C-alpha atoms as a PDB file:
ATOM      1  CA  MET A   1      -1.009 -46.183  70.410  1.00  0.00           C
ATOM      2  CA  LYS A   2       0.000 -49.848  70.597  1.00  0.00           C
ATOM      3  CA  LYS A   3       1.685 -49.226  73.955  1.00  0.00           C
ATOM      4  CA  LEU A   4      -1.472 -47.617  75.294  1.00  0.00           C
ATOM      5  CA  PHE A   5      -3.530 -50.640  74.181  1.00  0.00           C
ATOM      6  CA  PHE A   6      -1.281 -53.105  76.009  1.00  0.00           C
ATOM      7  CA  LEU A   7      -1.283 -50.918  79.102  1.00  0.00           C
ATOM      8  CA  PHE A   8      -5.101 -50.810  79.109  1.00  0.00           C
ATOM      9  CA  ALA A   9      -5.326 -54.562  78.539  1.00  0.00           C
ATOM     10  CA  GLY A  10      -2.940 -55.184  81.428  1.00  0.00           C
ATOM     11  CA  LEU A  11      -4.990 -53.025  83.789  1.00  0.00           C
ATOM     12  CA  LEU A  12      -8.166 -54.783  82.688  1.00  0.00           C
ATOM     13  CA  PHE A  13      -6.581 -58.190  83.396  1.00  0.00           C
ATOM     14  CA  ILE A  14      -5.512 -57.117  86.865  1.00  0.00           C
ATOM     15  CA  GLY A  15      -8.963 -55.717  87.611  1.00  0.00           C
ATOM     16  CA  CYS A  16     -10.698 -58.941  86.552  1.00  0.00           C
ATOM     17  CA  GLN A  17      -8.618 -61.307  88.674  1.00  0.00           C
ATOM     18  CA  THR A  18     -10.582 -63.324  91.249  1.00  0.00           C
ATOM     19  CA  GLU A  19     -10.505 -61.750  94.688  1.00  0.00           C
ATOM     20  CA  VAL A  20      -8.236 -63.694  97.046  1.00  0.00           C
ATOM     21  CA  LYS A  21     -10.308 -65.187  99.875  1.00  0.00           C
ATOM     22  CA  LYS A  22      -9.006 -64.296 103.318  1.00  0.00           C
ATOM     23  CA  ASP A  23      -7.337 -67.116 105.211  1.00  0.00           C
ATOM     24  CA  TYR A  24      -8.657 -66.164 108.648  1.00  0.00           C
ATOM     25  CA  VAL A  25     -11.922 -65.695 110.548  1.00  0.00           C
ATOM     26  CA  THR A  26     -13.236 -62.363 111.726  1.00  0.00           C
ATOM     27  CA  PHE A  27     -15.381 -63.035 114.782  1.00  0.00           C
ATOM     28  CA  SER A  28     -17.191 -60.237 116.588  1.00  0.00           C
ATOM     29  CA  GLY A  29     -20.299 -59.745 118.637  1.00  0.00           C
ATOM     30  CA  LYS A  30     -22.166 -58.061 121.440  1.00  0.00           C
ATOM     31  CA  ILE A  31     -23.186 -59.611 124.764  1.00  0.00           C
ATOM     32  CA  ALA A  32     -25.994 -58.116 126.826  1.00  0.00           C
ATOM     33  CA  ASN A  33     -25.526 -58.513 130.599  1.00  0.00           C
ATOM     34  CA  LYS A  34     -22.013 -59.872 130.149  1.00  0.00           C
ATOM     35  CA  ASN A  35     -20.683 -62.420 132.655  1.00  0.00           C
ATOM     36  CA  SER A  36     -16.993 -61.719 132.182  1.00  0.00           C
ATOM     37  CA  ASP A  37     -14.387 -59.414 130.668  1.00  0.00           C
ATOM     38  CA  SER A  38     -13.464 -62.095 128.162  1.00  0.00           C
ATOM     39  CA  VAL A  39     -14.859 -64.992 126.134  1.00  0.00           C
ATOM     40  CA  VAL A  40     -13.062 -68.189 125.194  1.00  0.00           C
ATOM     41  CA  LEU A  41     -13.122 -70.144 121.944  1.00  0.00           C
ATOM     42  CA  SER A  42     -11.686 -73.625 122.271  1.00  0.00           C
ATOM     43  CA  LYS A  43     -11.420 -77.156 120.972  1.00  0.00           C
ATOM     44  CA  LYS A  44      -8.888 -79.896 121.555  1.00  0.00           C
ATOM     45  CA  GLY A  45      -5.441 -78.353 120.997  1.00  0.00           C
ATOM     46  CA  PHE A  46      -6.788 -74.828 120.498  1.00  0.00           C
ATOM     47  CA  LYS A  47      -7.748 -71.988 122.835  1.00  0.00           C
ATOM     48  CA  LYS A  48      -8.320 -68.314 122.114  1.00  0.00           C
ATOM     49  CA  VAL A  49      -9.243 -65.719 124.751  1.00  0.00           C
ATOM     50  CA  ILE A  50     -10.994 -62.627 123.382  1.00  0.00           C
ATOM     51  CA  ALA A  51     -11.414 -59.460 125.454  1.00  0.00           C
ATOM     52  CA  VAL A  52     -14.934 -58.120 125.991  1.00  0.00           C
ATOM     53  CA  ASN A  53     -15.344 -54.351 126.208  1.00  0.00           C
ATOM     54  CA  GLU A  54     -17.399 -52.533 128.832  1.00  0.00           C
ATOM     55  CA  ASP A  55     -20.346 -52.251 126.427  1.00  0.00           C
ATOM     56  CA  GLY A  56     -20.299 -56.034 125.819  1.00  0.00           C
ATOM     57  CA  THR A  57     -18.724 -55.879 122.368  1.00  0.00           C
ATOM     58  CA  PHE A  58     -15.808 -58.041 121.274  1.00  0.00           C
ATOM     59  CA  SER A  59     -13.884 -58.631 118.061  1.00  0.00           C
ATOM     60  CA  ASP A  60     -10.863 -60.612 116.906  1.00  0.00           C
ATOM     61  CA  THR A  61      -9.324 -62.339 113.936  1.00  0.00           C
ATOM     62  CA  LEU A  62      -7.958 -65.861 114.063  1.00  0.00           C
ATOM     63  CA  LYS A  63      -6.775 -68.622 111.784  1.00  0.00           C
ATOM     64  CA  VAL A  64      -8.655 -71.849 112.361  1.00  0.00           C
ATOM     65  CA  ASP A  65      -9.179 -75.368 111.137  1.00  0.00           C
ATOM     66  CA  SER A  66     -12.659 -75.863 109.703  1.00  0.00           C
ATOM     67  CA  ASP A  67     -14.220 -77.415 112.770  1.00  0.00           C
ATOM     68  CA  PHE A  68     -16.602 -77.106 115.700  1.00  0.00           C
ATOM     69  CA  TYR A  69     -15.576 -74.906 118.622  1.00  0.00           C
ATOM     70  CA  THR A  70     -16.871 -74.262 122.126  1.00  0.00           C
ATOM     71  CA  PHE A  71     -17.746 -70.676 123.032  1.00  0.00           C
ATOM     72  CA  TYR A  72     -17.661 -69.852 126.758  1.00  0.00           C
ATOM     73  CA  ASP A  73     -18.696 -66.474 128.144  1.00  0.00           C
ATOM     74  CA  GLY A  74     -17.740 -67.098 131.769  1.00  0.00           C
ATOM     75  CA  GLY A  75     -21.130 -68.583 132.629  1.00  0.00           C
ATOM     76  CA  GLU A  76     -22.454 -70.837 129.866  1.00  0.00           C
ATOM     77  CA  TYR A  77     -21.360 -72.648 126.716  1.00  0.00           C
ATOM     78  CA  THR A  78     -22.522 -72.907 123.131  1.00  0.00           C
ATOM     79  CA  ARG A  79     -21.136 -74.527 119.956  1.00  0.00           C
ATOM     80  CA  LEU A  80     -19.833 -72.790 116.844  1.00  0.00           C
ATOM     81  CA  PHE A  81     -18.685 -73.893 113.421  1.00  0.00           C
ATOM     82  CA  LEU A  82     -15.762 -71.818 112.147  1.00  0.00           C
ATOM     83  CA  LYS A  83     -14.004 -71.755 108.816  1.00  0.00           C
ATOM     84  CA  ASN A  84     -11.351 -69.428 107.449  1.00  0.00           C
ATOM     85  CA  GLY A  85     -13.020 -66.735 105.360  1.00  0.00           C
ATOM     86  CA  TYR A  86     -15.939 -66.280 107.744  1.00  0.00           C
ATOM     87  CA  ASP A  87     -16.913 -62.793 108.932  1.00  0.00           C
ATOM     88  CA  LEU A  88     -19.252 -63.842 111.724  1.00  0.00           C
ATOM     89  CA  GLN A  89     -21.158 -61.608 114.124  1.00  0.00           C
ATOM     90  CA  MET A  90     -22.812 -62.984 117.255  1.00  0.00           C
ATOM     91  CA  THR A  91     -25.374 -61.512 119.636  1.00  0.00           C
ATOM     92  CA  LEU A  92     -26.611 -62.961 122.912  1.00  0.00           C
ATOM     93  CA  ASP A  93     -28.156 -62.021 126.224  1.00  0.00           C
ATOM     94  CA  THR A  94     -26.771 -63.978 129.166  1.00  0.00           C
ATOM     95  CA  GLU A  95     -30.121 -63.769 130.980  1.00  0.00           C
ATOM     96  CA  GLN A  96     -31.619 -65.918 128.194  1.00  0.00           C
ATOM     97  CA  PHE A  97     -28.442 -67.490 126.897  1.00  0.00           C
ATOM     98  CA  ASP A  98     -29.558 -70.364 124.656  1.00  0.00           C
ATOM     99  CA  GLU A  99     -32.770 -68.625 123.623  1.00  0.00           C
ATOM    100  CA  SER A 100     -30.982 -65.438 122.495  1.00  0.00           C
ATOM    101  CA  VAL A 101     -27.913 -66.696 120.596  1.00  0.00           C
ATOM    102  CA  ALA A 102     -28.070 -65.445 116.985  1.00  0.00           C
ATOM    103  CA  TYR A 103     -25.634 -64.788 114.131  1.00  0.00           C
ATOM    104  CA  THR A 104     -25.264 -62.578 111.073  1.00  0.00           C
ATOM    105  CA  GLY A 105     -22.595 -62.334 108.386  1.00  0.00           C
ATOM    106  CA  GLU A 106     -20.585 -64.960 106.545  1.00  0.00           C
ATOM    107  CA  GLY A 107     -21.049 -68.297 108.357  1.00  0.00           C
ATOM    108  CA  ALA A 108     -24.368 -67.288 109.942  1.00  0.00           C
ATOM    109  CA  ASP A 109     -26.426 -70.020 108.237  1.00  0.00           C
ATOM    110  CA  ASN A 110     -24.375 -72.814 109.783  1.00  0.00           C
ATOM    111  CA  ASN A 111     -24.271 -71.300 113.241  1.00  0.00           C
ATOM    112  CA  ASN A 112     -27.912 -70.229 113.398  1.00  0.00           C
ATOM    113  CA  TYR A 113     -28.805 -73.820 112.542  1.00  0.00           C
ATOM    114  CA  ILE A 114     -26.587 -75.152 115.349  1.00  0.00           C
ATOM    115  CA  ALA A 115     -28.185 -72.745 117.850  1.00  0.00           C
ATOM    116  CA  GLU A 116     -31.744 -73.549 116.764  1.00  0.00           C
ATOM    117  CA  GLU A 117     -31.122 -77.297 116.752  1.00  0.00           C
ATOM    118  CA  ALA A 118     -29.930 -77.064 120.364  1.00  0.00           C
ATOM    119  CA  ARG A 119     -33.105 -75.199 121.314  1.00  0.00           C
ATOM    120  CA  MET A 120     -35.246 -77.779 119.531  1.00  0.00           C
ATOM    121  CA  LYS A 121     -33.532 -80.677 121.300  1.00  0.00           C
ATOM    122  CA  GLU A 122     -34.055 -79.053 124.681  1.00  0.00           C
ATOM    123  CA  LYS A 123     -37.767 -78.559 123.959  1.00  0.00           C
ATOM    124  CA  LEU A 124     -38.473 -81.905 122.292  1.00  0.00           C
ATOM    125  CA  LEU A 125     -36.639 -83.980 124.894  1.00  0.00           C
ATOM    126  CA  ASP A 126     -38.373 -82.336 127.844  1.00  0.00           C
ATOM    127  CA  PHE A 127     -41.111 -84.891 128.474  1.00  0.00           C
ATOM    128  CA  GLU A 128     -42.320 -86.999 131.382  1.00  0.00           C
ATOM    129  CA  ILE A 129     -41.962 -90.792 131.367  1.00  0.00           C
ATOM    130  CA  ASP A 130     -44.091 -91.501 134.436  1.00  0.00           C
ATOM    131  CA  ASN A 131     -46.790 -93.240 132.394  1.00  0.00           C
ATOM    132  CA  MET A 132     -44.561 -94.634 129.625  1.00  0.00           C
ATOM    133  CA  ASP A 133     -43.511 -98.190 128.995  1.00  0.00           C
ATOM    134  CA  ALA A 134     -40.597 -99.139 126.732  1.00  0.00           C
ATOM    135  CA  ALA A 135     -42.753 -99.167 123.581  1.00  0.00           C
ATOM    136  CA  ALA A 136     -44.153 -95.697 124.304  1.00  0.00           C
ATOM    137  CA  LEU A 137     -40.641 -94.375 124.854  1.00  0.00           C
ATOM    138  CA  ASP A 138     -39.469 -95.823 121.530  1.00  0.00           C
ATOM    139  CA  SER A 139     -42.400 -94.173 119.759  1.00  0.00           C
ATOM    140  CA  LYS A 140     -41.762 -90.803 121.406  1.00  0.00           C
ATOM    141  CA  LEU A 141     -38.060 -90.813 120.555  1.00  0.00           C
ATOM    142  CA  ALA A 142     -38.820 -91.843 116.973  1.00  0.00           C
ATOM    143  CA  ASP A 143     -41.023 -88.742 116.694  1.00  0.00           C
ATOM    144  CA  VAL A 144     -38.231 -86.587 118.134  1.00  0.00           C
ATOM    145  CA  SER A 145     -35.736 -87.997 115.628  1.00  0.00           C
ATOM    146  CA  LYS A 146     -38.173 -87.458 112.750  1.00  0.00           C
ATOM    147  CA  GLU A 147     -38.782 -83.807 113.668  1.00  0.00           C
ATOM    148  CA  LEU A 148     -35.095 -82.996 114.124  1.00  0.00           C
ATOM    149  CA  ASN A 149     -34.155 -84.628 110.817  1.00  0.00           C
ATOM    150  CA  ALA A 150     -37.022 -82.890 109.027  1.00  0.00           C
ATOM    151  CA  TYR A 151     -35.736 -79.527 110.232  1.00  0.00           C
ATOM    152  CA  LEU A 152     -32.231 -80.437 109.071  1.00  0.00           C
ATOM    153  CA  ASP A 153     -33.500 -81.494 105.648  1.00  0.00           C
ATOM    154  CA  LYS A 154     -35.128 -78.084 105.157  1.00  0.00           C
ATOM    155  CA  GLN A 155     -31.747 -76.355 105.334  1.00  0.00           C
ATOM    156  CA  SER A 156     -30.207 -75.681 101.928  1.00  0.00           C
ATOM    157  CA  ALA A 157     -27.090 -73.634 102.705  1.00  0.00           C
ATOM    158  CA  LEU A 158     -25.270 -75.692 105.318  1.00  0.00           C
ATOM    159  CA  ASP A 159     -21.679 -76.851 105.122  1.00  0.00           C
ATOM    160  CA  THR A 160     -21.390 -80.606 104.536  1.00  0.00           C
ATOM    161  CA  ALA A 161     -19.487 -80.937 107.811  1.00  0.00           C
ATOM    162  CA  VAL A 162     -22.376 -79.344 109.707  1.00  0.00           C
ATOM    163  CA  VAL A 163     -24.926 -81.614 108.003  1.00  0.00           C
ATOM    164  CA  ASN A 164     -22.950 -84.779 108.713  1.00  0.00           C
ATOM    165  CA  ASN A 165     -22.284 -83.748 112.311  1.00  0.00           C
ATOM    166  CA  ALA A 166     -25.957 -82.955 112.842  1.00  0.00           C
ATOM    167  CA  LYS A 167     -27.141 -86.296 111.465  1.00  0.00           C
ATOM    168  CA  SER A 168     -24.779 -88.287 113.641  1.00  0.00           C
ATOM    169  CA  GLY A 169     -25.515 -86.009 116.609  1.00  0.00           C
ATOM    170  CA  ILE A 170     -29.260 -86.589 116.353  1.00  0.00           C
ATOM    171  CA  ALA A 171     -28.704 -90.350 116.258  1.00  0.00           C
ATOM    172  CA  ARG A 172     -26.358 -90.220 119.269  1.00  0.00           C
ATOM    173  CA  THR A 173     -28.730 -88.047 121.283  1.00  0.00           C
ATOM    174  CA  VAL A 174     -31.717 -90.296 120.651  1.00  0.00           C
ATOM    175  CA  LYS A 175     -29.673 -93.400 121.474  1.00  0.00           C
ATOM    176  CA  SER A 176     -28.393 -91.813 124.677  1.00  0.00           C
ATOM    177  CA  TYR A 177     -31.877 -90.795 125.820  1.00  0.00           C
ATOM    178  CA  LYS A 178     -33.243 -94.225 124.953  1.00  0.00           C
ATOM    179  CA  GLY A 179     -30.587 -95.848 127.112  1.00  0.00           C
ATOM    180  CA  TYR A 180     -30.970 -93.459 130.039  1.00  0.00           C
ATOM    181  CA  LEU A 181     -34.762 -93.198 130.058  1.00  0.00           C
ATOM    182  CA  GLY A 182     -35.116 -96.871 129.189  1.00  0.00           C
ATOM    183  CA  ASP A 183     -33.109 -97.710 132.298  1.00  0.00           C
ATOM    184  CA  LEU A 184     -35.431 -95.543 134.399  1.00  0.00           C
ATOM    185  CA  ILE A 185     -38.493 -97.303 132.986  1.00  0.00           C
ATOM    186  CA  ALA A 186     -36.870-100.686 133.641  1.00  0.00           C
ATOM    187  CA  LEU A 187     -36.030 -99.503 137.136  1.00  0.00           C
ATOM    188  CA  ARG A 188     -39.659 -98.610 137.768  1.00  0.00           C
ATOM    189  CA  THR A 189     -40.735-102.007 136.407  1.00  0.00           C
ATOM    190  CA  ASN A 190     -38.196-104.091 138.327  1.00  0.00           C
ATOM    191  CA  LEU A 191     -38.283-102.054 141.538  1.00  0.00           C
ATOM    192  CA  PRO A 192     -41.908-100.915 141.792  1.00  0.00           C
ATOM    193  CA  LYS A 193     -43.372 -98.842 144.577  1.00  0.00           C
ATOM    194  CA  GLY A 194     -44.145-101.047 147.573  1.00  0.00           C
ATOM    195  CA  ALA A 195     -41.552-103.713 146.786  1.00  0.00           C
ATOM    196  CA  PRO A 196     -38.958-104.519 149.459  1.00  0.00           C
ATOM    197  CA  SER A 197     -35.917-102.320 149.031  1.00  0.00           C
ATOM    198  CA  PRO A 198     -32.501-103.788 148.284  1.00  0.00           C
ATOM    199  CA  THR A 199     -30.354-103.414 151.379  1.00  0.00           C
ATOM    200  CA  PHE A 200     -26.814-102.690 152.439  1.00  0.00           C
ATOM    201  CA  SER A 201     -24.952-103.901 155.511  1.00  0.00           C
ATOM    202  CA  ASN A 202     -22.113-102.552 157.607  1.00  0.00           C
ATOM    203  CA  TYR A 203     -21.236 -99.497 155.550  1.00  0.00           C
ATOM    204  CA  GLU A 204     -18.608 -97.345 157.252  1.00  0.00           C
ATOM    205  CA  ASN A 205     -20.222 -94.438 159.073  1.00  0.00           C
ATOM    206  CA  HIS A 206     -18.273 -91.164 159.128  1.00  0.00           C
ATOM    207  CA  ALA A 207     -19.455 -90.607 162.690  1.00  0.00           C
ATOM    208  CA  GLY A 208     -17.915 -93.944 163.734  1.00  0.00           C
ATOM    209  CA  GLY A 209     -18.723 -97.630 163.452  1.00  0.00           C
ATOM    210  CA  THR A 210     -20.900 -99.049 160.682  1.00  0.00           C
ATOM    211  CA  THR A 211     -24.526 -98.727 159.629  1.00  0.00           C
ATOM    212  CA  SER A 212     -26.929-101.094 157.875  1.00  0.00           C
ATOM    213  CA  LEU A 213     -30.170-100.108 156.171  1.00  0.00           C
ATOM    214  CA  GLU A 214     -32.041-102.562 158.410  1.00  0.00           C
ATOM    215  CA  GLU A 215     -31.157-100.388 161.425  1.00  0.00           C
ATOM    216  CA  LEU A 216     -33.108 -97.473 159.945  1.00  0.00           C
ATOM    217  CA  LYS A 217     -36.467 -99.286 159.804  1.00  0.00           C
ATOM    218  CA  GLY A 218     -39.224 -97.346 161.508  1.00  0.00           C
ATOM    219  CA  LYS A 219     -38.258 -94.169 159.677  1.00  0.00           C
ATOM    220  CA  TYR A 220     -38.600 -92.921 156.152  1.00  0.00           C
ATOM    221  CA  VAL A 221     -35.150 -92.960 154.530  1.00  0.00           C
ATOM    222  CA  TYR A 222     -33.999 -90.582 151.782  1.00  0.00           C
ATOM    223  CA  ILE A 223     -30.753 -91.889 150.298  1.00  0.00           C
ATOM    224  CA  ASP A 224     -28.294 -89.802 148.266  1.00  0.00           C
ATOM    225  CA  VAL A 225     -25.816 -91.908 146.259  1.00  0.00           C
ATOM    226  CA  TRP A 226     -22.900 -89.659 145.348  1.00  0.00           C
ATOM    227  CA  ALA A 227     -19.095 -89.270 145.102  1.00  0.00           C
ATOM    228  CA  THR A 228     -16.591 -86.518 145.824  1.00  0.00           C
ATOM    229  CA  TRP A 229     -15.572 -86.231 142.154  1.00  0.00           C
ATOM    230  CA  CYS A 230     -19.167 -85.791 140.914  1.00  0.00           C
ATOM    231  CA  GLY A 231     -19.955 -82.164 140.028  1.00  0.00           C
ATOM    232  CA  PRO A 232     -23.753 -82.567 139.825  1.00  0.00           C
ATOM    233  CA  CYS A 233     -23.664 -84.402 143.168  1.00  0.00           C
ATOM    234  CA  LYS A 234     -21.849 -81.519 144.849  1.00  0.00           C
ATOM    235  CA  ALA A 235     -24.247 -79.023 143.263  1.00  0.00           C
ATOM    236  CA  GLU A 236     -27.083 -80.695 145.198  1.00  0.00           C
ATOM    237  CA  ILE A 237     -25.378 -80.350 148.598  1.00  0.00           C
ATOM    238  CA  PRO A 238     -26.731 -76.866 149.481  1.00  0.00           C
ATOM    239  CA  HIS A 239     -30.254 -77.940 148.506  1.00  0.00           C
ATOM    240  CA  LEU A 240     -29.942 -81.164 150.507  1.00  0.00           C
ATOM    241  CA  LYS A 241     -28.847 -79.183 153.576  1.00  0.00           C
ATOM    242  CA  GLU A 242     -31.943 -76.990 153.257  1.00  0.00           C
ATOM    243  CA  VAL A 243     -34.268 -79.985 152.999  1.00  0.00           C
ATOM    244  CA  GLU A 244     -32.571 -81.665 155.971  1.00  0.00           C
ATOM    245  CA  ALA A 245     -32.956 -78.509 158.058  1.00  0.00           C
ATOM    246  CA  ASP A 246     -36.631 -78.092 157.144  1.00  0.00           C
ATOM    247  CA  TYR A 247     -37.495 -81.721 157.999  1.00  0.00           C
ATOM    248  CA  HIS A 248     -35.085 -82.312 160.865  1.00  0.00           C
ATOM    249  CA  ASP A 249     -37.902 -82.879 163.372  1.00  0.00           C
ATOM    250  CA  LYS A 250     -39.791 -85.338 161.160  1.00  0.00           C
ATOM    251  CA  ASN A 251     -39.655 -89.129 161.067  1.00  0.00           C
ATOM    252  CA  ILE A 252     -37.151 -89.239 158.219  1.00  0.00           C
ATOM    253  CA  GLU A 253     -33.449 -90.062 158.041  1.00  0.00           C
ATOM    254  CA  PHE A 254     -31.247 -88.455 155.401  1.00  0.00           C
ATOM    255  CA  VAL A 255     -28.505 -90.865 154.339  1.00  0.00           C
ATOM    256  CA  SER A 256     -25.649 -90.089 151.951  1.00  0.00           C
ATOM    257  CA  VAL A 257     -23.797 -93.080 150.495  1.00  0.00           C
ATOM    258  CA  SER A 258     -20.450 -92.322 148.873  1.00  0.00           C
ATOM    259  CA  ILE A 259     -19.340 -94.665 146.093  1.00  0.00           C
ATOM    260  CA  ASP A 260     -15.837 -93.208 145.955  1.00  0.00           C
ATOM    261  CA  ARG A 261     -13.099 -95.725 145.298  1.00  0.00           C
ATOM    262  CA  PRO A 262     -11.047 -96.902 148.282  1.00  0.00           C
ATOM    263  CA  LYS A 263      -8.090 -94.763 147.181  1.00  0.00           C
ATOM    264  CA  ASP A 264     -10.305 -91.671 147.612  1.00  0.00           C
ATOM    265  CA  HIS A 265     -11.500 -92.587 151.090  1.00  0.00           C
ATOM    266  CA  GLU A 266      -9.605 -89.710 152.706  1.00  0.00           C
ATOM    267  CA  LYS A 267     -11.049 -87.261 150.168  1.00  0.00           C
ATOM    268  CA  TRP A 268     -14.488 -88.393 151.317  1.00  0.00           C
ATOM    269  CA  VAL A 269     -13.563 -87.913 154.989  1.00  0.00           C
ATOM    270  CA  ALA A 270     -12.182 -84.444 154.245  1.00  0.00           C
ATOM    271  CA  MET A 271     -15.171 -83.325 152.174  1.00  0.00           C
ATOM    272  CA  VAL A 272     -17.669 -84.439 154.796  1.00  0.00           C
ATOM    273  CA  ASN A 273     -15.727 -82.378 157.330  1.00  0.00           C
ATOM    274  CA  ASP A 274     -14.998 -79.357 155.138  1.00  0.00           C
ATOM    275  CA  LYS A 275     -18.542 -78.991 153.827  1.00  0.00           C
ATOM    276  CA  GLU A 276     -20.046 -79.874 157.222  1.00  0.00           C
ATOM    277  CA  LEU A 277     -22.302 -82.481 155.669  1.00  0.00           C
ATOM    278  CA  LYS A 278     -25.240 -83.482 157.828  1.00  0.00           C
ATOM    279  CA  GLY A 279     -27.334 -86.615 158.060  1.00  0.00           C
ATOM    280  CA  VAL A 280     -25.880 -90.119 158.058  1.00  0.00           C
ATOM    281  CA  GLN A 281     -22.680 -90.147 155.973  1.00  0.00           C
ATOM    282  CA  LEU A 282     -21.727 -93.635 154.766  1.00  0.00           C
ATOM    283  CA  PHE A 283     -18.973 -95.120 152.560  1.00  0.00           C
ATOM    284  CA  ALA A 284     -20.059 -98.003 150.304  1.00  0.00           C
ATOM    285  CA  ASP A 285     -18.094-101.227 150.517  1.00  0.00           C
ATOM    286  CA  SER A 286     -17.150-101.655 146.818  1.00  0.00           C
ATOM    287  CA  ASP A 287     -17.833 -98.334 145.017  1.00  0.00           C
ATOM    288  CA  TRP A 288     -19.701 -99.035 141.734  1.00  0.00           C
ATOM    289  CA  GLU A 289     -19.488-102.776 142.357  1.00  0.00           C
ATOM    290  CA  SER A 290     -21.378-102.558 145.658  1.00  0.00           C
ATOM    291  CA  LYS A 291     -24.367-104.900 145.690  1.00  0.00           C
ATOM    292  CA  PHE A 292     -26.716-102.107 146.776  1.00  0.00           C
ATOM    293  CA  VAL A 293     -25.590 -99.971 143.815  1.00  0.00           C
ATOM    294  CA  LYS A 294     -26.065-102.822 141.356  1.00  0.00           C
ATOM    295  CA  ASP A 295     -29.403-103.879 142.852  1.00  0.00           C
ATOM    296  CA  TYR A 296     -30.707-100.339 142.267  1.00  0.00           C
ATOM    297  CA  TYR A 297     -29.356-100.322 138.673  1.00  0.00           C
ATOM    298  CA  ILE A 298     -27.288 -97.226 139.424  1.00  0.00           C
ATOM    299  CA  LYS A 299     -25.218 -96.330 136.366  1.00  0.00           C
ATOM    300  CA  GLY A 300     -24.994 -92.598 136.952  1.00  0.00           C
ATOM    301  CA  ILE A 301     -24.969 -90.275 139.940  1.00  0.00           C
ATOM    302  CA  PRO A 302     -26.381 -88.533 141.814  1.00  0.00           C
ATOM    303  CA  ARG A 303     -29.221 -90.958 142.438  1.00  0.00           C
ATOM    304  CA  PHE A 304     -31.800 -90.408 145.154  1.00  0.00           C
ATOM    305  CA  ILE A 305     -33.928 -93.167 146.674  1.00  0.00           C
ATOM    306  CA  LEU A 306     -36.898 -92.910 149.038  1.00  0.00           C
ATOM    307  CA  ILE A 307     -37.871 -95.831 151.336  1.00  0.00           C
ATOM    308  CA  ASP A 308     -40.792 -96.145 153.760  1.00  0.00           C
ATOM    309  CA  PRO A 309     -40.565 -97.120 157.475  1.00  0.00           C
ATOM    310  CA  ASP A 310     -41.213-100.770 156.629  1.00  0.00           C
ATOM    311  CA  GLY A 311     -38.222-100.918 154.316  1.00  0.00           C
ATOM    312  CA  ASN A 312     -40.284-100.815 151.133  1.00  0.00           C
ATOM    313  CA  ILE A 313     -39.582 -98.684 148.073  1.00  0.00           C
ATOM    314  CA  ILE A 314     -41.456 -95.431 147.623  1.00  0.00           C
ATOM    315  CA  SER A 315     -39.285 -94.297 144.722  1.00  0.00           C
ATOM    316  CA  PRO A 316     -36.112 -95.887 143.317  1.00  0.00           C
ATOM    317  CA  ASP A 317     -35.375 -92.604 141.520  1.00  0.00           C
ATOM    318  CA  ALA A 318     -36.712 -89.894 143.799  1.00  0.00           C
ATOM    319  CA  PRO A 319     -36.576 -86.169 142.955  1.00  0.00           C
ATOM    320  CA  ARG A 320     -33.346 -84.365 143.686  1.00  0.00           C
ATOM    321  CA  PRO A 321     -33.235 -81.910 146.622  1.00  0.00           C
ATOM    322  CA  SER A 322     -33.168 -79.036 144.125  1.00  0.00           C
ATOM    323  CA  ASN A 323     -36.458 -80.233 142.612  1.00  0.00           C
ATOM    324  CA  PRO A 324     -39.580 -78.782 144.299  1.00  0.00           C
ATOM    325  CA  LYS A 325     -41.300 -82.132 143.629  1.00  0.00           C
ATOM    326  CA  LEU A 326     -39.294 -83.630 146.507  1.00  0.00           C
ATOM    327  CA  ARG A 327     -40.904 -81.330 149.084  1.00  0.00           C
ATOM    328  CA  THR A 328     -44.314 -82.007 147.568  1.00  0.00           C
ATOM    329  CA  MET A 329     -43.690 -85.750 147.917  1.00  0.00           C
ATOM    330  CA  LEU A 330     -42.483 -85.439 151.515  1.00  0.00           C
ATOM    331  CA  ASP A 331     -45.382 -83.161 152.499  1.00  0.00           C
ATOM    332  CA  GLU A 332     -47.875 -85.698 151.152  1.00  0.00           C
ATOM    333  CA  MET A 333     -46.473 -88.402 153.434  1.00  0.00           C
ATOM    334  CA  THR A 334     -47.164 -88.721 157.146  1.00  0.00           C
ATOM    335  CA  LEU A 335     -43.658 -88.094 158.460  1.00  0.00           C
END
């Protein structure tokens, strides 16, 4: 009888032991309208490729550091927070990528917050500054910060790492927008419509010789400041070609000014040739240090500038070729 008692006690002890938490992540999901046969999870020093089945489902297990990871489906990116022990399921539709990302399972609270915060930032930071001065911009961004932090404060089940990252991320985002949009407001103030445009002289012309802005007086001038290494600049090229073709018989000159460094001069020559770039293709004299670039407060590219036939500014930050507002602006002028 005593032996039976000890045997029962031993079984009871084993049954009451705390369950060992798994030391890996189970990550699965389903993608509607998949872009690729695989998805990629990555961060610095880590990369994991996960196969996607024909029906859009995927699943894998992986050991991770508790950290933020980038998820790439072959078309777009989103952020994840992963931690060993998670059993996380993801759903998304690539036709509404950011709007559709959602999670269930262990770890869902953290990742649903990250997805929703990204959607909120996109919505809250989509505002026009045409009628704003610096004080109005500060007030608007303060409201954005307040709303984002209020949403964060409502969350009660987030990992401390997610909370801390979100707080610092909100501050960085607001600071970044204040700097970028503040520069645009200062640009509008310091280079108002109707003011004489800063000029450039003797920029190398791909077609031969040199060209100065003064030589283009008598025509409207739409200037594209770009570089061969700039992805967003190159993304505008097809749109710029379409605009040039549609307005080729109008009184407007399309000028592209490369601010590539001298060591990349031949890359510029080759790209102009390979992509059959039209319009007036110029090479600035001192890349970012060119006086024209500094006079227009250009700190990021692409930048587009529109000048009237008298050499006066119409817009120091004109719409990009991909923006329908550019055609509206051109159609309103007597070209």
